[in-house]
Amino acid sequence: MAMGTDTTSSGVRRRGNGHRQGRRRKPMSEINVTPFVDVMLVLLIIFMVAAPLLTVGVPIDLPETEASALNSETQPITVSVNESGEIFLQETAIPLDEIVPKLQAIATTGYQERIYVRGDRNADYGTVMRVMARISSAGYKNLGLVTLQEQDG
């Protein structure tokens, strides 16, 4: 009796543990998640860095105050006045007379829509006030002025 050889009922000799010679290995059925996690972490970091840069594209030098930041769940409408007195609704330049019709067209919650007014620190105070007066006289009462928080030191 020899070890490792076996004869079946058909007379065919088998070797070792009953497997045919030349048979391929069974494919691995496990998923390697390490590369997937690495890619997802890189994407997370990219989006965390890029998200604050996508808010409003009009360059404004905002004044600083001691007020705390507001917590808002929805994306507010932003009206900006730059140093030269140009008025922007989100990122589009518009004349003063078109502010109210454009706001009425894009406001999703009507006159309860939150509208932020961003005025450059060197902008004409009268221009910023005219913009706010137009928005307020149209019926929008949820206005806010955007500033930067003061830095200690």
N, C-alpha and C. Protein backbone atom coordinates (compact mmCIF):
# COMPACT_ATOMS: atom_id res chain seq x y z
N MET A 1 0.84 -1.17 0.00
CA MET A 1 0.00 0.00 0.00
C MET A 1 0.89 1.24 0.00
N ALA A 2 0.78 1.99 -1.08
CA ALA A 2 1.61 3.16 -1.24
C ALA A 2 0.85 4.39 -0.84
N MET A 3 1.52 5.32 -0.25
CA MET A 3 0.90 6.56 0.19
C MET A 3 0.73 7.49 -1.00
N GLY A 4 -0.40 8.13 -1.08
CA GLY A 4 -0.60 9.15 -2.08
C GLY A 4 -1.16 8.63 -3.38
N THR A 5 -1.31 7.33 -3.60
CA THR A 5 -1.92 6.83 -4.82
C THR A 5 -3.21 6.11 -4.44
N ASP A 6 -4.17 6.20 -5.30
CA ASP A 6 -5.48 5.65 -5.01
C ASP A 6 -6.08 5.18 -6.33
N THR A 7 -6.79 4.09 -6.31
CA THR A 7 -7.44 3.59 -7.51
C THR A 7 -8.93 3.69 -7.31
N THR A 8 -9.62 4.27 -8.31
CA THR A 8 -11.07 4.41 -8.23
C THR A 8 -11.72 3.19 -8.86
N SER A 9 -13.05 3.18 -8.83
CA SER A 9 -13.78 2.05 -9.39
C SER A 9 -13.59 1.93 -10.89
N SER A 10 -13.23 3.03 -11.56
CA SER A 10 -13.03 2.98 -13.01
C SER A 10 -11.60 2.59 -13.36
N GLY A 11 -10.78 2.42 -12.38
CA GLY A 11 -9.42 2.01 -12.63
C GLY A 11 -8.47 3.16 -12.86
N VAL A 12 -8.93 4.42 -12.74
CA VAL A 12 -8.07 5.59 -12.95
C VAL A 12 -7.31 5.87 -11.67
N ARG A 13 -6.05 6.08 -11.82
CA ARG A 13 -5.23 6.35 -10.65
C ARG A 13 -5.28 7.83 -10.31
N ARG A 14 -5.48 8.11 -9.05
CA ARG A 14 -5.44 9.49 -8.58
C ARG A 14 -4.25 9.66 -7.69
N ARG A 15 -3.84 10.90 -7.57
CA ARG A 15 -2.63 11.17 -6.82
C ARG A 15 -2.94 12.11 -5.66
N GLY A 16 -2.33 11.91 -4.55
CA GLY A 16 -2.38 12.84 -3.41
C GLY A 16 -3.76 12.99 -2.81
N ASN A 17 -4.28 14.22 -2.80
CA ASN A 17 -5.52 14.50 -2.10
C ASN A 17 -6.74 14.42 -3.02
N GLY A 18 -6.67 13.79 -4.10
CA GLY A 18 -7.82 13.58 -4.95
C GLY A 18 -8.01 14.64 -6.02
N HIS A 19 -7.11 15.58 -6.18
CA HIS A 19 -7.22 16.63 -7.20
C HIS A 19 -6.47 16.22 -8.45
N ARG A 20 -6.99 16.67 -9.60
CA ARG A 20 -6.30 16.39 -10.85
C ARG A 20 -5.08 17.28 -10.97
N GLN A 21 -4.12 16.83 -11.67
CA GLN A 21 -2.94 17.64 -11.89
C GLN A 21 -3.26 18.75 -12.87
N GLY A 22 -2.65 19.93 -12.70
CA GLY A 22 -2.84 21.04 -13.62
C GLY A 22 -4.07 21.87 -13.33
N ARG A 23 -4.81 21.56 -12.29
CA ARG A 23 -6.00 22.34 -11.95
C ARG A 23 -5.59 23.69 -11.37
N ARG A 24 -6.28 24.73 -11.82
CA ARG A 24 -5.96 26.09 -11.34
C ARG A 24 -6.44 26.29 -9.91
N ARG A 25 -5.81 27.27 -9.28
CA ARG A 25 -6.25 27.62 -7.93
C ARG A 25 -7.58 28.34 -7.98
N LYS A 26 -8.33 28.22 -6.93
CA LYS A 26 -9.62 28.90 -6.83
C LYS A 26 -9.38 30.40 -6.68
N PRO A 27 -10.13 31.26 -7.42
CA PRO A 27 -9.91 32.72 -7.30
C PRO A 27 -10.27 33.21 -5.90
N MET A 28 -9.53 34.23 -5.45
CA MET A 28 -9.78 34.80 -4.13
C MET A 28 -11.08 35.60 -4.19
N SER A 29 -11.96 35.35 -3.28
CA SER A 29 -13.26 36.03 -3.29
C SER A 29 -13.32 37.19 -2.31
N GLU A 30 -12.22 37.59 -1.74
CA GLU A 30 -12.21 38.72 -0.81
C GLU A 30 -11.89 40.01 -1.57
N ILE A 31 -12.46 41.12 -1.11
CA ILE A 31 -12.22 42.43 -1.74
C ILE A 31 -11.20 43.18 -0.89
N ASN A 32 -10.19 43.73 -1.53
CA ASN A 32 -9.20 44.52 -0.83
C ASN A 32 -9.71 45.97 -0.79
N VAL A 33 -10.16 46.43 0.37
CA VAL A 33 -10.76 47.76 0.48
C VAL A 33 -9.75 48.86 0.78
N THR A 34 -8.52 48.52 1.01
CA THR A 34 -7.52 49.54 1.35
C THR A 34 -7.36 50.59 0.25
N PRO A 35 -7.21 50.21 -1.04
CA PRO A 35 -7.10 51.26 -2.07
C PRO A 35 -8.36 52.11 -2.18
N PHE A 36 -9.52 51.49 -1.99
CA PHE A 36 -10.78 52.23 -2.03
C PHE A 36 -10.84 53.27 -0.92
N VAL A 37 -10.45 52.90 0.28
CA VAL A 37 -10.45 53.83 1.42
C VAL A 37 -9.45 54.96 1.16
N ASP A 38 -8.29 54.64 0.62
CA ASP A 38 -7.30 55.67 0.32
C ASP A 38 -7.83 56.69 -0.68
N VAL A 39 -8.47 56.22 -1.73
CA VAL A 39 -9.04 57.13 -2.74
C VAL A 39 -10.14 57.99 -2.12
N MET A 40 -10.99 57.41 -1.31
CA MET A 40 -12.09 58.17 -0.69
C MET A 40 -11.55 59.23 0.26
N LEU A 41 -10.51 58.94 1.01
CA LEU A 41 -9.94 59.93 1.91
C LEU A 41 -9.31 61.08 1.14
N VAL A 42 -8.66 60.79 0.04
CA VAL A 42 -8.08 61.86 -0.78
C VAL A 42 -9.19 62.73 -1.36
N LEU A 43 -10.26 62.12 -1.85
CA LEU A 43 -11.39 62.91 -2.37
C LEU A 43 -12.04 63.75 -1.27
N LEU A 44 -12.16 63.21 -0.09
CA LEU A 44 -12.73 63.96 1.03
C LEU A 44 -11.90 65.20 1.33
N ILE A 45 -10.59 65.04 1.37
CA ILE A 45 -9.72 66.18 1.64
C ILE A 45 -9.83 67.23 0.54
N ILE A 46 -9.88 66.79 -0.71
CA ILE A 46 -10.01 67.73 -1.83
C ILE A 46 -11.30 68.52 -1.71
N PHE A 47 -12.42 67.85 -1.42
CA PHE A 47 -13.68 68.57 -1.32
C PHE A 47 -13.75 69.47 -0.10
N MET A 48 -13.10 69.06 1.00
CA MET A 48 -13.10 69.92 2.19
C MET A 48 -12.31 71.20 1.94
N VAL A 49 -11.26 71.12 1.16
CA VAL A 49 -10.47 72.30 0.85
C VAL A 49 -11.16 73.17 -0.20
N ALA A 50 -11.80 72.54 -1.18
CA ALA A 50 -12.40 73.28 -2.29
C ALA A 50 -13.75 73.89 -1.95
N ALA A 51 -14.52 73.31 -1.03
CA ALA A 51 -15.87 73.78 -0.74
C ALA A 51 -15.94 75.24 -0.30
N PRO A 52 -15.10 75.71 0.61
CA PRO A 52 -15.19 77.12 0.99
C PRO A 52 -14.85 78.08 -0.14
N LEU A 53 -14.09 77.63 -1.11
CA LEU A 53 -13.71 78.50 -2.22
C LEU A 53 -14.84 78.66 -3.23
N LEU A 54 -15.88 77.84 -3.15
CA LEU A 54 -16.95 77.86 -4.13
C LEU A 54 -18.15 78.70 -3.70
N THR A 55 -18.10 79.36 -2.54
CA THR A 55 -19.27 80.07 -2.04
C THR A 55 -19.63 81.29 -2.89
N VAL A 56 -18.83 82.31 -2.89
CA VAL A 56 -19.10 83.51 -3.66
C VAL A 56 -17.80 83.94 -4.32
N GLY A 57 -17.85 84.23 -5.62
CA GLY A 57 -16.64 84.51 -6.35
C GLY A 57 -16.31 85.97 -6.54
N VAL A 58 -17.09 86.91 -5.98
CA VAL A 58 -16.81 88.33 -6.13
C VAL A 58 -15.82 88.72 -5.04
N PRO A 59 -14.63 89.21 -5.41
CA PRO A 59 -13.65 89.57 -4.38
C PRO A 59 -14.06 90.85 -3.64
N ILE A 60 -14.26 90.73 -2.35
CA ILE A 60 -14.70 91.83 -1.50
C ILE A 60 -13.82 91.84 -0.26
N ASP A 61 -13.38 93.01 0.16
CA ASP A 61 -12.63 93.16 1.40
C ASP A 61 -13.63 93.51 2.49
N LEU A 62 -14.09 92.49 3.24
CA LEU A 62 -15.14 92.68 4.23
C LEU A 62 -14.60 93.32 5.50
N PRO A 63 -15.41 94.17 6.14
CA PRO A 63 -15.00 94.72 7.44
C PRO A 63 -15.07 93.65 8.52
N GLU A 64 -14.40 93.87 9.63
CA GLU A 64 -14.38 92.92 10.73
C GLU A 64 -15.25 93.44 11.88
N THR A 65 -15.98 92.53 12.54
CA THR A 65 -16.79 92.86 13.70
C THR A 65 -16.63 91.79 14.76
N GLU A 66 -17.24 92.02 15.93
CA GLU A 66 -17.20 91.04 17.01
C GLU A 66 -18.40 90.12 16.99
N ALA A 67 -19.30 90.24 16.01
CA ALA A 67 -20.50 89.42 15.95
C ALA A 67 -20.14 87.97 15.65
N SER A 68 -20.95 87.05 16.18
CA SER A 68 -20.70 85.63 15.92
C SER A 68 -21.32 85.23 14.59
N ALA A 69 -20.89 84.11 14.07
CA ALA A 69 -21.37 83.62 12.78
C ALA A 69 -22.80 83.11 12.91
N LEU A 70 -23.60 83.28 11.83
CA LEU A 70 -24.96 82.77 11.79
C LEU A 70 -24.95 81.33 11.31
N ASN A 71 -25.91 80.54 11.80
CA ASN A 71 -26.04 79.16 11.37
C ASN A 71 -27.20 79.08 10.40
N SER A 72 -26.93 78.68 9.16
CA SER A 72 -27.98 78.63 8.14
C SER A 72 -27.96 77.27 7.46
N GLU A 73 -29.14 76.64 7.31
CA GLU A 73 -29.22 75.33 6.68
C GLU A 73 -29.28 75.44 5.16
N THR A 74 -29.85 76.52 4.64
CA THR A 74 -30.01 76.66 3.20
C THR A 74 -28.97 77.64 2.65
N GLN A 75 -28.73 77.55 1.36
CA GLN A 75 -27.79 78.46 0.71
C GLN A 75 -28.49 79.82 0.54
N PRO A 76 -27.97 80.88 1.17
CA PRO A 76 -28.63 82.18 1.07
C PRO A 76 -28.34 82.87 -0.26
N ILE A 77 -29.17 83.85 -0.57
CA ILE A 77 -28.92 84.70 -1.72
C ILE A 77 -27.94 85.78 -1.27
N THR A 78 -26.93 86.06 -2.09
CA THR A 78 -25.92 87.03 -1.73
C THR A 78 -25.91 88.18 -2.71
N VAL A 79 -26.00 89.41 -2.18
CA VAL A 79 -25.87 90.63 -2.98
C VAL A 79 -24.59 91.31 -2.51
N SER A 80 -23.68 91.58 -3.46
CA SER A 80 -22.38 92.15 -3.11
C SER A 80 -22.19 93.50 -3.77
N VAL A 81 -21.51 94.41 -3.05
CA VAL A 81 -21.13 95.71 -3.59
C VAL A 81 -19.62 95.80 -3.45
N ASN A 82 -18.92 95.93 -4.60
CA ASN A 82 -17.46 95.97 -4.52
C ASN A 82 -16.97 97.40 -4.32
N GLU A 83 -15.67 97.56 -4.28
CA GLU A 83 -15.04 98.84 -3.97
C GLU A 83 -15.43 99.94 -4.96
N SER A 84 -15.62 99.59 -6.22
CA SER A 84 -15.96 100.60 -7.23
C SER A 84 -17.46 100.84 -7.34
N GLY A 85 -18.26 100.20 -6.49
CA GLY A 85 -19.71 100.45 -6.47
C GLY A 85 -20.52 99.54 -7.37
N GLU A 86 -19.89 98.56 -8.01
CA GLU A 86 -20.63 97.61 -8.84
C GLU A 86 -21.43 96.66 -7.94
N ILE A 87 -22.63 96.30 -8.39
CA ILE A 87 -23.53 95.45 -7.61
C ILE A 87 -23.58 94.08 -8.27
N PHE A 88 -23.49 93.03 -7.44
CA PHE A 88 -23.51 91.66 -7.94
C PHE A 88 -24.59 90.88 -7.21
N LEU A 89 -25.40 90.13 -7.96
CA LEU A 89 -26.35 89.18 -7.39
C LEU A 89 -25.72 87.81 -7.58
N GLN A 90 -25.36 87.16 -6.47
CA GLN A 90 -24.50 85.98 -6.47
C GLN A 90 -23.19 86.38 -7.15
N GLU A 91 -22.93 85.97 -8.38
CA GLU A 91 -21.69 86.34 -9.06
C GLU A 91 -21.94 87.14 -10.34
N THR A 92 -23.18 87.54 -10.58
CA THR A 92 -23.54 88.24 -11.81
C THR A 92 -23.71 89.72 -11.53
N ALA A 93 -23.04 90.56 -12.31
CA ALA A 93 -23.16 92.01 -12.16
C ALA A 93 -24.55 92.45 -12.68
N ILE A 94 -25.23 93.30 -11.88
CA ILE A 94 -26.54 93.80 -12.28
C ILE A 94 -26.64 95.27 -11.89
N PRO A 95 -27.49 96.05 -12.62
CA PRO A 95 -27.72 97.43 -12.20
C PRO A 95 -28.64 97.49 -10.98
N LEU A 96 -28.63 98.62 -10.29
CA LEU A 96 -29.42 98.80 -9.08
C LEU A 96 -30.91 98.58 -9.33
N ASP A 97 -31.41 99.01 -10.49
CA ASP A 97 -32.84 98.91 -10.78
C ASP A 97 -33.32 97.47 -10.98
N GLU A 98 -32.42 96.55 -11.26
CA GLU A 98 -32.82 95.17 -11.53
C GLU A 98 -32.71 94.25 -10.33
N ILE A 99 -32.32 94.78 -9.17
CA ILE A 99 -32.14 93.92 -7.99
C ILE A 99 -33.46 93.26 -7.59
N VAL A 100 -34.51 94.05 -7.43
CA VAL A 100 -35.78 93.51 -6.94
C VAL A 100 -36.39 92.50 -7.91
N PRO A 101 -36.50 92.80 -9.22
CA PRO A 101 -37.07 91.78 -10.12
C PRO A 101 -36.27 90.48 -10.15
N LYS A 102 -34.95 90.58 -10.08
CA LYS A 102 -34.11 89.37 -10.08
C LYS A 102 -34.31 88.58 -8.79
N LEU A 103 -34.41 89.28 -7.66
CA LEU A 103 -34.64 88.59 -6.39
C LEU A 103 -35.99 87.88 -6.39
N GLN A 104 -37.01 88.54 -6.93
CA GLN A 104 -38.33 87.91 -6.99
C GLN A 104 -38.31 86.68 -7.89
N ALA A 105 -37.46 86.69 -8.90
CA ALA A 105 -37.38 85.56 -9.82
C ALA A 105 -36.66 84.35 -9.21
N ILE A 106 -35.67 84.61 -8.35
CA ILE A 106 -34.88 83.48 -7.84
C ILE A 106 -35.21 83.08 -6.41
N ALA A 107 -36.01 83.87 -5.69
CA ALA A 107 -36.33 83.55 -4.30
C ALA A 107 -37.23 82.31 -4.26
N THR A 108 -36.79 81.28 -3.55
CA THR A 108 -37.56 80.04 -3.49
C THR A 108 -38.62 80.06 -2.39
N THR A 109 -38.37 80.80 -1.32
CA THR A 109 -39.34 80.85 -0.22
C THR A 109 -40.04 82.20 -0.14
N GLY A 110 -40.07 82.92 -1.23
CA GLY A 110 -40.76 84.21 -1.26
C GLY A 110 -40.03 85.26 -0.45
N TYR A 111 -40.80 86.08 0.24
CA TYR A 111 -40.22 87.21 0.98
C TYR A 111 -39.54 86.78 2.28
N GLN A 112 -39.61 85.50 2.62
CA GLN A 112 -38.93 84.99 3.81
C GLN A 112 -37.51 84.54 3.50
N GLU A 113 -37.10 84.66 2.25
CA GLU A 113 -35.76 84.23 1.83
C GLU A 113 -34.68 85.02 2.57
N ARG A 114 -33.63 84.35 3.00
CA ARG A 114 -32.50 85.00 3.67
C ARG A 114 -31.61 85.61 2.60
N ILE A 115 -31.34 86.91 2.72
CA ILE A 115 -30.50 87.62 1.76
C ILE A 115 -29.34 88.26 2.52
N TYR A 116 -28.13 87.94 2.08
CA TYR A 116 -26.94 88.52 2.68
C TYR A 116 -26.42 89.63 1.79
N VAL A 117 -26.10 90.75 2.40
CA VAL A 117 -25.51 91.89 1.68
C VAL A 117 -24.05 91.97 2.09
N ARG A 118 -23.17 91.89 1.11
CA ARG A 118 -21.73 91.97 1.33
C ARG A 118 -21.25 93.28 0.74
N GLY A 119 -20.73 94.15 1.57
CA GLY A 119 -20.21 95.43 1.10
C GLY A 119 -18.72 95.53 1.38
N ASP A 120 -17.96 95.88 0.36
CA ASP A 120 -16.52 96.05 0.53
C ASP A 120 -16.26 97.14 1.56
N ARG A 121 -15.22 96.97 2.32
CA ARG A 121 -14.87 97.94 3.37
C ARG A 121 -14.64 99.33 2.78
N ASN A 122 -14.18 99.42 1.53
CA ASN A 122 -13.92 100.71 0.90
C ASN A 122 -15.04 101.15 -0.04
N ALA A 123 -16.16 100.42 -0.05
CA ALA A 123 -17.29 100.78 -0.91
C ALA A 123 -18.00 102.00 -0.33
N ASP A 124 -18.67 102.72 -1.20
CA ASP A 124 -19.46 103.88 -0.77
C ASP A 124 -20.61 103.41 0.13
N TYR A 125 -20.68 103.97 1.32
CA TYR A 125 -21.72 103.58 2.28
C TYR A 125 -23.11 103.82 1.70
N GLY A 126 -23.28 104.90 0.95
CA GLY A 126 -24.57 105.23 0.36
C GLY A 126 -25.03 104.18 -0.64
N THR A 127 -24.10 103.62 -1.41
CA THR A 127 -24.46 102.58 -2.38
C THR A 127 -24.94 101.32 -1.66
N VAL A 128 -24.24 100.93 -0.61
CA VAL A 128 -24.65 99.75 0.16
C VAL A 128 -26.04 99.98 0.77
N MET A 129 -26.28 101.19 1.28
CA MET A 129 -27.58 101.48 1.89
C MET A 129 -28.70 101.54 0.84
N ARG A 130 -28.40 102.03 -0.36
CA ARG A 130 -29.41 102.04 -1.43
C ARG A 130 -29.79 100.61 -1.82
N VAL A 131 -28.80 99.75 -1.89
CA VAL A 131 -29.08 98.34 -2.20
C VAL A 131 -29.97 97.73 -1.12
N MET A 132 -29.63 97.95 0.14
CA MET A 132 -30.43 97.40 1.24
C MET A 132 -31.83 97.99 1.25
N ALA A 133 -31.95 99.29 0.95
CA ALA A 133 -33.27 99.93 0.93
C ALA A 133 -34.15 99.34 -0.17
N ARG A 134 -33.58 99.10 -1.35
CA ARG A 134 -34.35 98.49 -2.44
C ARG A 134 -34.85 97.11 -2.05
N ILE A 135 -33.97 96.32 -1.47
CA ILE A 135 -34.35 94.96 -1.08
C ILE A 135 -35.43 95.00 0.00
N SER A 136 -35.26 95.87 0.99
CA SER A 136 -36.22 95.99 2.08
C SER A 136 -37.56 96.53 1.60
N SER A 137 -37.56 97.52 0.71
CA SER A 137 -38.82 98.08 0.22
C SER A 137 -39.57 97.10 -0.67
N ALA A 138 -38.88 96.10 -1.22
CA ALA A 138 -39.55 95.08 -2.03
C ALA A 138 -40.28 94.07 -1.16
N GLY A 139 -40.05 94.11 0.15
CA GLY A 139 -40.75 93.20 1.05
C GLY A 139 -39.87 92.17 1.73
N TYR A 140 -38.62 92.10 1.37
CA TYR A 140 -37.71 91.15 2.00
C TYR A 140 -37.27 91.72 3.34
N LYS A 141 -37.54 90.99 4.42
CA LYS A 141 -37.22 91.48 5.76
C LYS A 141 -36.10 90.69 6.42
N ASN A 142 -35.67 89.63 5.81
CA ASN A 142 -34.65 88.77 6.39
C ASN A 142 -33.29 89.09 5.78
N LEU A 143 -32.81 90.31 6.05
CA LEU A 143 -31.54 90.79 5.51
C LEU A 143 -30.42 90.62 6.53
N GLY A 144 -29.24 90.39 6.04
CA GLY A 144 -28.08 90.30 6.92
C GLY A 144 -26.87 90.91 6.25
N LEU A 145 -26.04 91.57 7.05
CA LEU A 145 -24.77 92.12 6.55
C LEU A 145 -23.67 91.13 6.86
N VAL A 146 -22.84 90.85 5.88
CA VAL A 146 -21.75 89.90 6.04
C VAL A 146 -20.48 90.66 6.41
N THR A 147 -19.83 90.21 7.48
CA THR A 147 -18.55 90.79 7.91
C THR A 147 -17.60 89.65 8.25
N LEU A 148 -16.36 89.99 8.46
CA LEU A 148 -15.39 89.03 8.97
C LEU A 148 -15.30 89.20 10.47
N GLN A 149 -15.00 88.13 11.19
CA GLN A 149 -14.82 88.26 12.63
C GLN A 149 -13.48 88.90 12.92
N GLU A 150 -13.46 89.79 13.93
CA GLU A 150 -12.21 90.46 14.29
C GLU A 150 -11.21 89.46 14.81
N GLN A 151 -9.97 89.67 14.43
CA GLN A 151 -8.89 88.82 14.90
C GLN A 151 -8.25 89.51 16.11
N ASP A 152 -8.05 88.76 17.19
CA ASP A 152 -7.41 89.32 18.38
C ASP A 152 -5.94 89.58 18.08
N GLY A 153 -5.48 90.73 18.52
CA GLY A 153 -4.05 90.97 18.37
C GLY A 153 -3.71 92.16 17.64
